[in-house]
C-alpha atoms as a PDB file:
ATOM      1  CA  MET A   1     -46.476 -29.433-108.798  1.00  0.00           C
ATOM      2  CA  LYS A   2     -49.726 -31.089-107.694  1.00  0.00           C
ATOM      3  CA  LYS A   3     -51.722 -28.204-109.139  1.00  0.00           C
ATOM      4  CA  ALA A   4     -49.995 -28.550-112.537  1.00  0.00           C
ATOM      5  CA  ILE A   5     -50.630 -32.309-112.653  1.00  0.00           C
ATOM      6  CA  LEU A   6     -54.298 -31.858-111.725  1.00  0.00           C
ATOM      7  CA  THR A   7     -54.646 -29.174-114.409  1.00  0.00           C
ATOM      8  CA  VAL A   8     -53.143 -31.453-117.065  1.00  0.00           C
ATOM      9  CA  ILE A   9     -55.387 -34.353-116.002  1.00  0.00           C
ATOM     10  CA  GLY A  10     -58.429 -32.051-116.131  1.00  0.00           C
ATOM     11  CA  ILE A  11     -57.560 -30.843-119.634  1.00  0.00           C
ATOM     12  CA  LEU A  12     -56.994 -34.427-120.835  1.00  0.00           C
ATOM     13  CA  ALA A  13     -60.342 -35.505-119.391  1.00  0.00           C
ATOM     14  CA  ILE A  14     -62.123 -32.680-121.237  1.00  0.00           C
ATOM     15  CA  LEU A  15     -60.325 -33.501-124.497  1.00  0.00           C
ATOM     16  CA  LEU A  16     -61.198 -37.190-124.215  1.00  0.00           C
ATOM     17  CA  THR A  17     -64.841 -36.393-123.502  1.00  0.00           C
ATOM     18  CA  PHE A  18     -65.235 -34.160-126.548  1.00  0.00           C
ATOM     19  CA  SER A  19     -63.208 -36.411-128.856  1.00  0.00           C
ATOM     20  CA  PHE A  20     -65.922 -39.098-128.620  1.00  0.00           C
ATOM     21  CA  THR A  21     -68.825 -36.793-129.476  1.00  0.00           C
ATOM     22  CA  ASN A  22     -69.934 -36.391-133.061  1.00  0.00           C
ATOM     23  CA  SER A  23     -70.328 -32.903-134.486  1.00  0.00           C
ATOM     24  CA  ASN A  24     -72.366 -34.066-137.547  1.00  0.00           C
ATOM     25  CA  PHE A  25     -75.364 -35.163-135.505  1.00  0.00           C
ATOM     26  CA  ASN A  26     -77.294 -32.001-136.398  1.00  0.00           C
ATOM     27  CA  ASN A  27     -77.497 -32.905-140.095  1.00  0.00           C
ATOM     28  CA  GLU A  28     -81.172 -33.621-140.789  1.00  0.00           C
ATOM     29  CA  ILE A  29     -81.861 -35.710-143.896  1.00  0.00           C
ATOM     30  CA  THR A  30     -85.272 -35.747-145.575  1.00  0.00           C
ATOM     31  CA  ILE A  31     -86.215 -38.961-147.377  1.00  0.00           C
ATOM     32  CA  LYS A  32     -89.210 -38.844-149.741  1.00  0.00           C
ATOM     33  CA  VAL A  33     -90.783 -41.869-151.436  1.00  0.00           C
ATOM     34  CA  THR A  34     -93.100 -41.139-154.359  1.00  0.00           C
ATOM     35  CA  SER A  35     -94.523 -42.878-157.423  1.00  0.00           C
ATOM     36  CA  GLU A  36     -96.607 -41.990-160.464  1.00  0.00           C
ATOM     37  CA  GLU A  37     -99.716 -43.450-158.800  1.00  0.00           C
ATOM     38  CA  PRO A  38    -100.250 -44.295-155.112  1.00  0.00           C
ATOM     39  CA  ILE A  39     -98.774 -47.754-154.431  1.00  0.00           C
ATOM     40  CA  GLU A  40     -97.825 -49.843-151.404  1.00  0.00           C
ATOM     41  CA  PHE A  41     -94.246 -50.666-150.490  1.00  0.00           C
ATOM     42  CA  ASP A  42     -92.272 -52.272-147.672  1.00  0.00           C
ATOM     43  CA  LEU A  43     -89.443 -50.534-145.837  1.00  0.00           C
ATOM     44  CA  LEU A  44     -86.554 -52.279-144.109  1.00  0.00           C
ATOM     45  CA  GLN A  45     -84.740 -49.728-141.921  1.00  0.00           C
ATOM     46  CA  ASN A  46     -81.744 -50.857-139.870  1.00  0.00           C
ATOM     47  CA  GLY A  47     -83.162 -54.386-139.569  1.00  0.00           C
ATOM     48  CA  VAL A  48     -86.762 -53.350-138.764  1.00  0.00           C
ATOM     49  CA  THR A  49     -89.432 -54.048-141.408  1.00  0.00           C
ATOM     50  CA  THR A  50     -92.502 -51.873-141.912  1.00  0.00           C
ATOM     51  CA  LYS A  51     -95.019 -53.315-144.383  1.00  0.00           C
ATOM     52  CA  GLY A  52     -97.805 -51.702-146.356  1.00  0.00           C
ATOM     53  CA  ILE A  53     -96.639 -48.084-146.461  1.00  0.00           C
ATOM     54  CA  LYS A  54     -98.319 -46.034-149.192  1.00  0.00           C
ATOM     55  CA  THR A  55     -96.810 -43.382-151.422  1.00  0.00           C
ATOM     56  CA  PRO A  56     -96.298 -40.489-151.078  1.00  0.00           C
ATOM     57  CA  TYR A  57     -94.297 -41.003-147.886  1.00  0.00           C
ATOM     58  CA  GLU A  58     -91.775 -38.685-146.249  1.00  0.00           C
ATOM     59  CA  PHE A  59     -89.674 -38.896-143.108  1.00  0.00           C
ATOM     60  CA  LYS A  60     -86.714 -37.196-141.440  1.00  0.00           C
ATOM     61  CA  PHE A  61     -83.519 -39.046-140.534  1.00  0.00           C
ATOM     62  CA  VAL A  62     -81.132 -37.496-137.991  1.00  0.00           C
ATOM     63  CA  GLU A  63     -78.651 -40.309-137.345  1.00  0.00           C
ATOM     64  CA  ASN A  64     -75.160 -40.749-138.750  1.00  0.00           C
ATOM     65  CA  LYS A  65     -75.664 -44.278-140.105  1.00  0.00           C
ATOM     66  CA  GLY A  66     -78.653 -45.903-141.710  1.00  0.00           C
ATOM     67  CA  ASP A  67     -79.397 -48.833-144.015  1.00  0.00           C
ATOM     68  CA  PHE A  68     -82.669 -48.831-145.941  1.00  0.00           C
ATOM     69  CA  ILE A  69     -84.362 -51.125-148.449  1.00  0.00           C
ATOM     70  CA  PHE A  70     -87.508 -49.874-150.189  1.00  0.00           C
ATOM     71  CA  LYS A  71     -89.443 -52.605-152.051  1.00  0.00           C
ATOM     72  CA  SER A  72     -92.574 -52.128-154.120  1.00  0.00           C
ATOM     73  CA  LYS A  73     -95.338 -54.681-153.381  1.00  0.00           C
ATOM     74  CA  ARG A  74     -95.888 -55.379-157.089  1.00  0.00           C
ATOM     75  CA  GLU A  75     -93.102 -56.322-159.432  1.00  0.00           C
ATOM     76  CA  LYS A  76     -93.813 -53.805-162.219  1.00  0.00           C
ATOM     77  CA  GLU A  77     -94.318 -50.732-160.005  1.00  0.00           C
ATOM     78  CA  GLU A  78     -91.459 -48.303-159.486  1.00  0.00           C
ATOM     79  CA  LEU A  79     -90.655 -46.155-156.490  1.00  0.00           C
ATOM     80  CA  LYS A  80     -88.812 -42.854-156.641  1.00  0.00           C
ATOM     81  CA  ILE A  81     -86.586 -42.061-153.668  1.00  0.00           C
ATOM     82  CA  SER A  82     -85.360 -38.521-153.044  1.00  0.00           C
ATOM     83  CA  VAL A  83     -82.772 -37.896-150.314  1.00  0.00           C
ATOM     84  CA  GLU A  84     -82.029 -34.272-149.376  1.00  0.00           C
ATOM     85  CA  ASP A  85     -80.140 -32.305-146.765  1.00  0.00           C
ATOM     86  CA  LYS A  86     -78.688 -28.806-146.575  1.00  0.00           C
ATOM     87  CA  ASN A  87     -75.678 -29.879-148.690  1.00  0.00           C
ATOM     88  CA  GLY A  88     -77.369 -31.595-151.641  1.00  0.00           C
ATOM     89  CA  SER A  89     -79.714 -34.258-152.926  1.00  0.00           C
ATOM     90  CA  LEU A  90     -79.800 -37.733-154.466  1.00  0.00           C
ATOM     91  CA  THR A  91     -82.581 -39.565-156.350  1.00  0.00           C
ATOM     92  CA  ASN A  92     -83.183 -43.085-157.605  1.00  0.00           C
ATOM     93  CA  GLU A  93     -86.110 -44.743-159.355  1.00  0.00           C
ATOM     94  CA  SER A  94     -86.637 -48.507-159.348  1.00  0.00           C
ATOM     95  CA  GLY A  95     -88.775 -51.352-157.984  1.00  0.00           C
ATOM     96  CA  ILE A  96     -86.320 -52.174-155.187  1.00  0.00           C
ATOM     97  CA  ILE A  97     -84.011 -49.454-153.872  1.00  0.00           C
ATOM     98  CA  VAL A  98     -81.161 -49.802-151.386  1.00  0.00           C
ATOM     99  CA  LEU A  99     -80.019 -46.631-149.586  1.00  0.00           C
ATOM    100  CA  ILE A 100     -76.957 -46.528-147.342  1.00  0.00           C
ATOM    101  CA  ILE A 101     -76.181 -43.454-145.239  1.00  0.00           C
ATOM    102  CA  GLU A 102     -72.825 -43.150-143.477  1.00  0.00           C
ATOM    103  CA  ASN A 103     -72.191 -39.696-142.023  1.00  0.00           C
ATOM    104  CA  GLU A 104     -72.287 -37.350-145.022  1.00  0.00           C
ATOM    105  CA  ASN A 105     -71.863 -40.144-147.607  1.00  0.00           C
ATOM    106  CA  TRP A 106     -74.952 -41.525-149.343  1.00  0.00           C
ATOM    107  CA  LYS A 107     -75.052 -44.551-151.631  1.00  0.00           C
ATOM    108  CA  THR A 108     -78.035 -45.897-153.511  1.00  0.00           C
ATOM    109  CA  PHE A 109     -78.713 -48.536-156.113  1.00  0.00           C
ATOM    110  CA  GLY A 110     -81.852 -50.028-157.551  1.00  0.00           C
ATOM    111  CA  MET A 111     -83.110 -53.309-158.981  1.00  0.00           C
ATOM    112  CA  ASN A 112     -86.190 -54.157-161.027  1.00  0.00           C
END
């Protein structure tokens, strides 16, 4: 009886451990920022601001959730954002671009 109870507790512990791990963590997303001519822009990523980045700019994102704001330094200049992974791609072109990544769902909108 003790052996059966210990076996059940062991199985439950293993199930609980693996139920809190995320299997989508291996999905690498490539984010590219380009423009017709080299320009400077600011990037707000998950509350951290990086100023004065120049196009073209590319980085990899391997987390499940991310909030991004890309803002051109000058009002009339437009940025082009390309988001790609093994399942597809998404692009947007505007002066200010908001990108929201939640697991495999991507949302973007732009403002001039």
